[in-house]
PDB file of N, CA and C in Angstrom:
ATOM      1  N   UNK A   1      29.751  27.936  -1.555  1.00  0.00           N
ATOM      2  CA  UNK A   1      28.987  29.150  -1.847  1.00  0.00           C
ATOM      3  C   UNK A   1      28.468  29.063  -3.282  1.00  0.00           C
ATOM      4  N   UNK A   2      27.221  29.436  -3.482  1.00  0.00           N
ATOM      5  CA  UNK A   2      26.675  29.345  -4.825  1.00  0.00           C
ATOM      6  C   UNK A   2      27.168  30.488  -5.701  1.00  0.00           C
ATOM      7  N   UNK A   3      27.097  30.254  -6.998  1.00  0.00           N
ATOM      8  CA  UNK A   3      27.558  31.238  -7.966  1.00  0.00           C
ATOM      9  C   UNK A   3      26.635  32.450  -7.959  1.00  0.00           C
ATOM     10  N   UNK A   4      27.195  33.619  -7.701  1.00  0.00           N
ATOM     11  CA  UNK A   4      26.405  34.851  -7.642  1.00  0.00           C
ATOM     12  C   UNK A   4      26.559  35.677  -8.909  1.00  0.00           C
ATOM     13  N   UNK A   5      27.007  35.086  -9.986  1.00  0.00           N
ATOM     14  CA  UNK A   5      27.207  35.842 -11.217  1.00  0.00           C
ATOM     15  C   UNK A   5      25.910  36.013 -11.971  1.00  0.00           C
ATOM     16  N   UNK A   6      25.711  37.216 -12.406  1.00  0.00           N
ATOM     17  CA  UNK A   6      24.572  37.528 -13.266  1.00  0.00           C
ATOM     18  C   UNK A   6      25.109  37.704 -14.678  1.00  0.00           C
ATOM     19  N   UNK A   7      24.375  37.202 -15.645  1.00  0.00           N
ATOM     20  CA  UNK A   7      24.735  37.360 -17.049  1.00  0.00           C
ATOM     21  C   UNK A   7      23.979  38.565 -17.587  1.00  0.00           C
ATOM     22  N   UNK A   8      24.691  39.656 -17.790  1.00  0.00           N
ATOM     23  CA  UNK A   8      24.072  40.893 -18.255  1.00  0.00           C
ATOM     24  C   UNK A   8      23.717  40.757 -19.731  1.00  0.00           C
ATOM     25  N   UNK A   9      22.457  41.036 -20.059  1.00  0.00           N
ATOM     26  CA  UNK A   9      21.984  40.950 -21.441  1.00  0.00           C
ATOM     27  C   UNK A   9      21.866  42.328 -22.079  1.00  0.00           C
ATOM     28  N   UNK A  10      21.364  43.303 -21.333  1.00  0.00           N
ATOM     29  CA  UNK A  10      21.210  44.666 -21.846  1.00  0.00           C
ATOM     30  C   UNK A  10      21.091  45.615 -20.655  1.00  0.00           C
ATOM     31  N   UNK A  11      21.830  46.697 -20.707  1.00  0.00           N
ATOM     32  CA  UNK A  11      21.747  47.676 -19.627  1.00  0.00           C
ATOM     33  C   UNK A  11      22.229  49.034 -20.118  1.00  0.00           C
ATOM     34  N   UNK A  12      21.679  50.076 -19.537  1.00  0.00           N
ATOM     35  CA  UNK A  12      22.225  51.413 -19.762  1.00  0.00           C
ATOM     36  C   UNK A  12      22.576  52.071 -18.426  1.00  0.00           C
ATOM     37  N   UNK A  13      22.628  51.252 -17.364  1.00  0.00           N
ATOM     38  CA  UNK A  13      22.975  51.750 -16.030  1.00  0.00           C
ATOM     39  C   UNK A  13      24.484  51.914 -15.890  1.00  0.00           C
ATOM     40  N   UNK A  14      24.873  52.859 -15.056  1.00  0.00           N
ATOM     41  CA  UNK A  14      26.271  52.976 -14.662  1.00  0.00           C
ATOM     42  C   UNK A  14      26.610  51.787 -13.760  1.00  0.00           C
ATOM     43  N   UNK A  15      27.855  51.367 -13.772  1.00  0.00           N
ATOM     44  CA  UNK A  15      28.281  50.167 -13.049  1.00  0.00           C
ATOM     45  C   UNK A  15      27.916  50.164 -11.559  1.00  0.00           C
ATOM     46  N   UNK A  16      28.082  51.259 -10.812  1.00  0.00           N
ATOM     47  CA  UNK A  16      27.732  51.202  -9.383  1.00  0.00           C
ATOM     48  C   UNK A  16      26.244  50.911  -9.132  1.00  0.00           C
ATOM     49  N   UNK A  17      25.364  51.535  -9.900  1.00  0.00           N
ATOM     50  CA  UNK A  17      23.931  51.288  -9.741  1.00  0.00           C
ATOM     51  C   UNK A  17      23.580  49.879 -10.197  1.00  0.00           C
ATOM     52  N   UNK A  18      24.192  49.440 -11.276  1.00  0.00           N
ATOM     53  CA  UNK A  18      23.960  48.084 -11.783  1.00  0.00           C
ATOM     54  C   UNK A  18      24.333  47.052 -10.721  1.00  0.00           C
ATOM     55  N   UNK A  19      25.442  47.271 -10.013  1.00  0.00           N
ATOM     56  CA  UNK A  19      25.860  46.349  -8.952  1.00  0.00           C
ATOM     57  C   UNK A  19      24.833  46.318  -7.827  1.00  0.00           C
ATOM     58  N   UNK A  20      24.305  47.461  -7.448  1.00  0.00           N
ATOM     59  CA  UNK A  20      23.291  47.512  -6.393  1.00  0.00           C
ATOM     60  C   UNK A  20      22.048  46.739  -6.812  1.00  0.00           C
ATOM     61  N   UNK A  21      21.624  46.912  -8.051  1.00  0.00           N
ATOM     62  CA  UNK A  21      20.442  46.198  -8.552  1.00  0.00           C
ATOM     63  C   UNK A  21      20.676  44.691  -8.523  1.00  0.00           C
ATOM     64  N   UNK A  22      21.804  44.238  -9.047  1.00  0.00           N
ATOM     65  CA  UNK A  22      22.090  42.800  -9.075  1.00  0.00           C
ATOM     66  C   UNK A  22      22.215  42.256  -7.654  1.00  0.00           C
ATOM     67  N   UNK A  23      22.935  42.950  -6.790  1.00  0.00           N
ATOM     68  CA  UNK A  23      23.073  42.498  -5.399  1.00  0.00           C
ATOM     69  C   UNK A  23      21.717  42.410  -4.702  1.00  0.00           C
ATOM     70  N   UNK A  24      20.843  43.363  -4.974  1.00  0.00           N
ATOM     71  CA  UNK A  24      19.496  43.340  -4.397  1.00  0.00           C
ATOM     72  C   UNK A  24      18.721  42.132  -4.897  1.00  0.00           C
ATOM     73  N   UNK A  25      18.845  41.820  -6.171  1.00  0.00           N
ATOM     74  CA  UNK A  25      18.165  40.646  -6.731  1.00  0.00           C
ATOM     75  C   UNK A  25      18.706  39.351  -6.138  1.00  0.00           C
ATOM     76  N   UNK A  26      20.008  39.288  -5.913  1.00  0.00           N
ATOM     77  CA  UNK A  26      20.609  38.105  -5.297  1.00  0.00           C
ATOM     78  C   UNK A  26      20.061  37.906  -3.885  1.00  0.00           C
ATOM     79  N   UNK A  27      20.039  38.960  -3.099  1.00  0.00           N
ATOM     80  CA  UNK A  27      19.496  38.877  -1.734  1.00  0.00           C
ATOM     81  C   UNK A  27      18.038  38.420  -1.775  1.00  0.00           C
ATOM     82  N   UNK A  28      17.261  38.996  -2.673  1.00  0.00           N
ATOM     83  CA  UNK A  28      15.836  38.650  -2.769  1.00  0.00           C
ATOM     84  C   UNK A  28      15.638  37.185  -3.137  1.00  0.00           C
ATOM     85  N   UNK A  29      16.441  36.662  -4.066  1.00  0.00           N
ATOM     86  CA  UNK A  29      16.274  35.259  -4.467  1.00  0.00           C
ATOM     87  C   UNK A  29      16.714  34.306  -3.363  1.00  0.00           C
ATOM     88  N   UNK A  30      17.621  34.765  -2.495  1.00  0.00           N
ATOM     89  CA  UNK A  30      18.021  33.941  -1.354  1.00  0.00           C
ATOM     90  C   UNK A  30      16.956  33.937  -0.261  1.00  0.00           C
ATOM     91  N   UNK A  31      16.189  35.012  -0.147  1.00  0.00           N
ATOM     92  CA  UNK A  31      15.195  35.130   0.921  1.00  0.00           C
ATOM     93  C   UNK A  31      13.822  34.589   0.547  1.00  0.00           C
ATOM     94  N   UNK A  32      13.485  34.605  -0.740  1.00  0.00           N
ATOM     95  CA  UNK A  32      12.126  34.262  -1.161  1.00  0.00           C
ATOM     96  C   UNK A  32      12.123  33.193  -2.242  1.00  0.00           C
ATOM     97  N   UNK A  33      11.095  32.342  -2.202  1.00  0.00           N
ATOM     98  CA  UNK A  33      10.922  31.301  -3.214  1.00  0.00           C
ATOM     99  C   UNK A  33       9.988  31.736  -4.334  1.00  0.00           C
ATOM    100  N   UNK A  34       9.001  32.540  -4.007  1.00  0.00           N
ATOM    101  CA  UNK A  34       8.006  32.975  -4.990  1.00  0.00           C
ATOM    102  C   UNK A  34       8.524  34.165  -5.799  1.00  0.00           C
ATOM    103  N   UNK A  35       8.344  34.100  -7.118  1.00  0.00           N
ATOM    104  CA  UNK A  35       8.815  35.178  -7.989  1.00  0.00           C
ATOM    105  C   UNK A  35       8.188  36.521  -7.633  1.00  0.00           C
ATOM    106  N   UNK A  36       6.909  36.530  -7.288  1.00  0.00           N
ATOM    107  CA  UNK A  36       6.253  37.803  -6.963  1.00  0.00           C
ATOM    108  C   UNK A  36       6.860  38.430  -5.711  1.00  0.00           C
ATOM    109  N   UNK A  37       7.300  37.592  -4.767  1.00  0.00           N
ATOM    110  CA  UNK A  37       7.937  38.105  -3.556  1.00  0.00           C
ATOM    111  C   UNK A  37       9.327  38.673  -3.856  1.00  0.00           C
ATOM    112  N   UNK A  38      10.045  38.010  -4.753  1.00  0.00           N
ATOM    113  CA  UNK A  38      11.352  38.523  -5.183  1.00  0.00           C
ATOM    114  C   UNK A  38      11.168  39.882  -5.845  1.00  0.00           C
ATOM    115  N   UNK A  39      10.223  39.960  -6.778  1.00  0.00           N
ATOM    116  CA  UNK A  39       9.968  41.220  -7.494  1.00  0.00           C
ATOM    117  C   UNK A  39       9.553  42.328  -6.530  1.00  0.00           C
ATOM    118  N   UNK A  40       8.697  42.016  -5.572  1.00  0.00           N
ATOM    119  CA  UNK A  40       8.245  43.021  -4.603  1.00  0.00           C
ATOM    120  C   UNK A  40       9.412  43.523  -3.755  1.00  0.00           C
ATOM    121  N   UNK A  41      10.269  42.618  -3.316  1.00  0.00           N
ATOM    122  CA  UNK A  41      11.428  43.009  -2.511  1.00  0.00           C
ATOM    123  C   UNK A  41      12.332  43.959  -3.291  1.00  0.00           C
ATOM    124  N   UNK A  42      12.644  43.589  -4.538  1.00  0.00           N
ATOM    125  CA  UNK A  42      13.536  44.412  -5.362  1.00  0.00           C
ATOM    126  C   UNK A  42      12.921  45.782  -5.595  1.00  0.00           C
ATOM    127  N   UNK A  43      11.657  45.816  -5.970  1.00  0.00           N
ATOM    128  CA  UNK A  43      10.965  47.084  -6.245  1.00  0.00           C
ATOM    129  C   UNK A  43      10.987  47.995  -5.014  1.00  0.00           C
ATOM    130  N   UNK A  44      10.600  47.451  -3.866  1.00  0.00           N
ATOM    131  CA  UNK A  44      10.533  48.258  -2.646  1.00  0.00           C
ATOM    132  C   UNK A  44      11.919  48.732  -2.204  1.00  0.00           C
ATOM    133  N   UNK A  45      12.903  47.861  -2.319  1.00  0.00           N
ATOM    134  CA  UNK A  45      14.267  48.242  -1.937  1.00  0.00           C
ATOM    135  C   UNK A  45      14.783  49.369  -2.825  1.00  0.00           C
ATOM    136  N   UNK A  46      14.581  49.249  -4.131  1.00  0.00           N
ATOM    137  CA  UNK A  46      15.074  50.277  -5.048  1.00  0.00           C
ATOM    138  C   UNK A  46      14.297  51.581  -4.892  1.00  0.00           C
ATOM    139  N   UNK A  47      12.998  51.504  -4.624  1.00  0.00           N
ATOM    140  CA  UNK A  47      12.218  52.723  -4.358  1.00  0.00           C
ATOM    141  C   UNK A  47      12.828  53.496  -3.186  1.00  0.00           C
ATOM    142  N   UNK A  48      13.181  52.773  -2.117  1.00  0.00           N
ATOM    143  CA  UNK A  48      13.758  53.418  -0.935  1.00  0.00           C
ATOM    144  C   UNK A  48      15.178  53.903  -1.202  1.00  0.00           C
ATOM    145  N   UNK A  49      15.948  53.106  -1.915  1.00  0.00           N
ATOM    146  CA  UNK A  49      17.347  53.443  -2.152  1.00  0.00           C
ATOM    147  C   UNK A  49      17.506  54.671  -3.040  1.00  0.00           C
ATOM    148  N   UNK A  50      16.764  54.695  -4.149  1.00  0.00           N
ATOM    149  CA  UNK A  50      17.026  55.691  -5.182  1.00  0.00           C
ATOM    150  C   UNK A  50      15.868  56.648  -5.424  1.00  0.00           C
ATOM    151  N   UNK A  51      14.749  56.427  -4.766  1.00  0.00           N
ATOM    152  CA  UNK A  51      13.592  57.273  -5.042  1.00  0.00           C
ATOM    153  C   UNK A  51      13.000  56.928  -6.398  1.00  0.00           C
ATOM    154  N   UNK A  52      12.068  57.720  -6.838  1.00  0.00           N
ATOM    155  CA  UNK A  52      11.435  57.421  -8.121  1.00  0.00           C
ATOM    156  C   UNK A  52      10.540  56.210  -8.021  1.00  0.00           C
ATOM    157  N   UNK A  53      10.156  55.716  -9.156  1.00  0.00           N
ATOM    158  CA  UNK A  53       9.294  54.539  -9.222  1.00  0.00           C
ATOM    159  C   UNK A  53      10.052  53.445  -9.971  1.00  0.00           C
ATOM    160  N   UNK A  54      10.354  52.368  -9.271  1.00  0.00           N
ATOM    161  CA  UNK A  54      11.076  51.239  -9.843  1.00  0.00           C
ATOM    162  C   UNK A  54      10.119  50.097 -10.140  1.00  0.00           C
ATOM    163  N   UNK A  55      10.520  49.245 -11.076  1.00  0.00           N
ATOM    164  CA  UNK A  55       9.735  48.078 -11.468  1.00  0.00           C
ATOM    165  C   UNK A  55      10.680  46.889 -11.596  1.00  0.00           C
ATOM    166  N   UNK A  56      10.165  45.701 -11.306  1.00  0.00           N
ATOM    167  CA  UNK A  56      10.947  44.479 -11.437  1.00  0.00           C
ATOM    168  C   UNK A  56      10.062  43.401 -12.053  1.00  0.00           C
ATOM    169  N   UNK A  57      10.558  42.801 -13.123  1.00  0.00           N
ATOM    170  CA  UNK A  57       9.861  41.706 -13.801  1.00  0.00           C
ATOM    171  C   UNK A  57      10.842  40.544 -13.855  1.00  0.00           C
ATOM    172  N   UNK A  58      10.396  39.355 -13.462  1.00  0.00           N
ATOM    173  CA  UNK A  58      11.283  38.209 -13.562  1.00  0.00           C
ATOM    174  C   UNK A  58      10.520  36.943 -13.867  1.00  0.00           C
ATOM    175  N   UNK A  59      11.218  36.003 -14.452  1.00  0.00           N
ATOM    176  CA  UNK A  59      10.628  34.724 -14.784  1.00  0.00           C
ATOM    177  C   UNK A  59      11.471  34.004 -15.813  1.00  0.00           C
ATOM    178  N   UNK A  60      10.949  32.880 -16.284  1.00  0.00           N
ATOM    179  CA  UNK A  60      11.680  32.078 -17.259  1.00  0.00           C
ATOM    180  C   UNK A  60      11.215  32.312 -18.685  1.00  0.00           C
ATOM    181  N   UNK A  61       9.985  32.761 -18.871  1.00  0.00           N
ATOM    182  CA  UNK A  61       9.461  32.901 -20.228  1.00  0.00           C
ATOM    183  C   UNK A  61       8.467  34.056 -20.272  1.00  0.00           C
ATOM    184  N   UNK A  62       8.896  35.188 -20.801  1.00  0.00           N
ATOM    185  CA  UNK A  62       8.001  36.332 -20.925  1.00  0.00           C
ATOM    186  C   UNK A  62       8.545  37.282 -21.981  1.00  0.00           C
ATOM    187  N   UNK A  63       7.688  38.141 -22.453  1.00  0.00           N
ATOM    188  CA  UNK A  63       8.089  39.214 -23.353  1.00  0.00           C
ATOM    189  C   UNK A  63       7.863  40.529 -22.645  1.00  0.00           C
ATOM    190  N   UNK A  64       8.582  41.547 -23.076  1.00  0.00           N
ATOM    191  CA  UNK A  64       8.480  42.822 -22.383  1.00  0.00           C
ATOM    192  C   UNK A  64       8.905  43.948 -23.312  1.00  0.00           C
ATOM    193  N   UNK A  65       8.200  45.056 -23.235  1.00  0.00           N
ATOM    194  CA  UNK A  65       8.575  46.279 -23.947  1.00  0.00           C
ATOM    195  C   UNK A  65       8.180  47.427 -23.042  1.00  0.00           C
ATOM    196  N   UNK A  66       9.147  48.165 -22.529  1.00  0.00           N
ATOM    197  CA  UNK A  66       8.861  49.169 -21.508  1.00  0.00           C
ATOM    198  C   UNK A  66       9.505  50.506 -21.845  1.00  0.00           C
ATOM    199  N   UNK A  67       8.961  51.552 -21.242  1.00  0.00           N
ATOM    200  CA  UNK A  67       9.591  52.872 -21.262  1.00  0.00           C
ATOM    201  C   UNK A  67      10.268  53.072 -19.910  1.00  0.00           C
ATOM    202  N   UNK A  68      11.433  53.711 -19.919  1.00  0.00           N
ATOM    203  CA  UNK A  68      12.181  53.911 -18.680  1.00  0.00           C
ATOM    204  C   UNK A  68      13.006  55.181 -18.794  1.00  0.00           C
ATOM    205  N   UNK A  69      13.469  55.653 -17.670  1.00  0.00           N
ATOM    206  CA  UNK A  69      14.375  56.794 -17.669  1.00  0.00           C
ATOM    207  C   UNK A  69      15.732  56.357 -18.216  1.00  0.00           C
ATOM    208  N   UNK A  70      16.377  57.237 -18.968  1.00  0.00           N
ATOM    209  CA  UNK A  70      17.716  56.939 -19.467  1.00  0.00           C
ATOM    210  C   UNK A  70      18.653  56.670 -18.299  1.00  0.00           C
ATOM    211  N   UNK A  71      19.419  55.594 -18.420  1.00  0.00           N
ATOM    212  CA  UNK A  71      20.376  55.246 -17.379  1.00  0.00           C
ATOM    213  C   UNK A  71      19.812  54.404 -16.256  1.00  0.00           C
ATOM    214  N   UNK A  72      18.580  53.934 -16.432  1.00  0.00           N
ATOM    215  CA  UNK A  72      17.915  53.182 -15.356  1.00  0.00           C
ATOM    216  C   UNK A  72      17.241  51.907 -15.861  1.00  0.00           C
ATOM    217  N   UNK A  73      17.909  51.161 -16.719  1.00  0.00           N
ATOM    218  CA  UNK A  73      17.355  49.908 -17.233  1.00  0.00           C
ATOM    219  C   UNK A  73      18.416  48.825 -17.162  1.00  0.00           C
ATOM    220  N   UNK A  74      18.022  47.654 -16.677  1.00  0.00           N
ATOM    221  CA  UNK A  74      18.933  46.516 -16.643  1.00  0.00           C
ATOM    222  C   UNK A  74      18.160  45.224 -16.887  1.00  0.00           C
ATOM    223  N   UNK A  75      18.684  44.424 -17.802  1.00  0.00           N
ATOM    224  CA  UNK A  75      18.107  43.121 -18.127  1.00  0.00           C
ATOM    225  C   UNK A  75      19.228  42.099 -18.009  1.00  0.00           C
ATOM    226  N   UNK A  76      19.045  41.126 -17.126  1.00  0.00           N
ATOM    227  CA  UNK A  76      20.090  40.130 -16.910  1.00  0.00           C
ATOM    228  C   UNK A  76      19.475  38.794 -16.524  1.00  0.00           C
ATOM    229  N   UNK A  77      20.307  37.758 -16.539  1.00  0.00           N
ATOM    230  CA  UNK A  77      19.877  36.432 -16.125  1.00  0.00           C
ATOM    231  C   UNK A  77      20.642  36.037 -14.871  1.00  0.00           C
ATOM    232  N   UNK A  78      19.914  35.415 -13.961  1.00  0.00           N
ATOM    233  CA  UNK A  78      20.512  34.941 -12.721  1.00  0.00           C
ATOM    234  C   UNK A  78      19.793  33.672 -12.294  1.00  0.00           C
ATOM    235  N   UNK A  79      20.545  32.628 -12.060  1.00  0.00           N
ATOM    236  CA  UNK A  79      20.007  31.335 -11.630  1.00  0.00           C
ATOM    237  C   UNK A  79      18.866  30.857 -12.527  1.00  0.00           C
ATOM    238  N   UNK A  80      19.043  30.964 -13.822  1.00  0.00           N
ATOM    239  CA  UNK A  80      18.069  30.440 -14.777  1.00  0.00           C
ATOM    240  C   UNK A  80      16.841  31.297 -14.992  1.00  0.00           C
ATOM    241  N   UNK A  81      16.803  32.471 -14.392  1.00  0.00           N
ATOM    242  CA  UNK A  81      15.663  33.370 -14.574  1.00  0.00           C
ATOM    243  C   UNK A  81      16.128  34.681 -15.188  1.00  0.00           C
ATOM    244  N   UNK A  82      15.273  35.237 -16.024  1.00  0.00           N
ATOM    245  CA  UNK A  82      15.535  36.559 -16.578  1.00  0.00           C
ATOM    246  C   UNK A  82      14.947  37.600 -15.646  1.00  0.00           C
ATOM    247  N   UNK A  83      15.665  38.703 -15.472  1.00  0.00           N
ATOM    248  CA  UNK A  83      15.209  39.781 -14.600  1.00  0.00           C
ATOM    249  C   UNK A  83      15.356  41.109 -15.324  1.00  0.00           C
ATOM    250  N   UNK A  84      14.301  41.892 -15.268  1.00  0.00           N
ATOM    251  CA  UNK A  84      14.323  43.240 -15.808  1.00  0.00           C
ATOM    252  C   UNK A  84      14.005  44.180 -14.655  1.00  0.00           C
ATOM    253  N   UNK A  85      14.890  45.125 -14.424  1.00  0.00           N
ATOM    254  CA  UNK A  85      14.699  46.116 -13.368  1.00  0.00           C
ATOM    255  C   UNK A  85      14.891  47.480 -14.010  1.00  0.00           C
ATOM    256  N   UNK A  86      13.909  48.357 -13.822  1.00  0.00           N
ATOM    257  CA  UNK A  86      14.000  49.671 -14.446  1.00  0.00           C
ATOM    258  C   UNK A  86      13.258  50.705 -13.622  1.00  0.00           C
ATOM    259  N   UNK A  87      13.609  51.966 -13.872  1.00  0.00           N
ATOM    260  CA  UNK A  87      12.997  53.073 -13.140  1.00  0.00           C
ATOM    261  C   UNK A  87      12.230  53.969 -14.099  1.00  0.00           C
ATOM    262  N   UNK A  88      11.068  54.388 -13.657  1.00  0.00           N
ATOM    263  CA  UNK A  88      10.316  55.435 -14.331  1.00  0.00           C
ATOM    264  C   UNK A  88      10.267  56.609 -13.365  1.00  0.00           C
ATOM    265  N   UNK A  89       9.687  57.687 -13.757  1.00  0.00           N
ATOM    266  CA  UNK A  89       9.651  58.897 -12.932  1.00  0.00           C
ATOM    267  C   UNK A  89       9.753  58.570 -11.483  1.00  0.00           C
TER     268      UNK A  89
END
C-alpha cells in the first residue's frame, strides 16, 4: 500500500474537516492523472459535502495568495505536489 501521509504546511481547519479534505485529495490522485482533474474532483466533492464555494490549487511550482473564510484553509504536500484547498462564501 502506498504512503497516504500528507505533510501539513499551514492550516486553520479543525482536524475532522482537515481529514476529509486530505482523504478527498488522496482519492482524487488515485483516480486521476491530470492535475486539473484532481482539482475539479476535490472542488466538486467539497462543494457537495460542505456547501459554500471551495477551491483547489495543486502542482509542483506555483505561488498563491488567497482570501478565505476563517477555519477553511489547508496547505499541504502529498506525493510530491503541493495542494491548497480553501473555502470562500
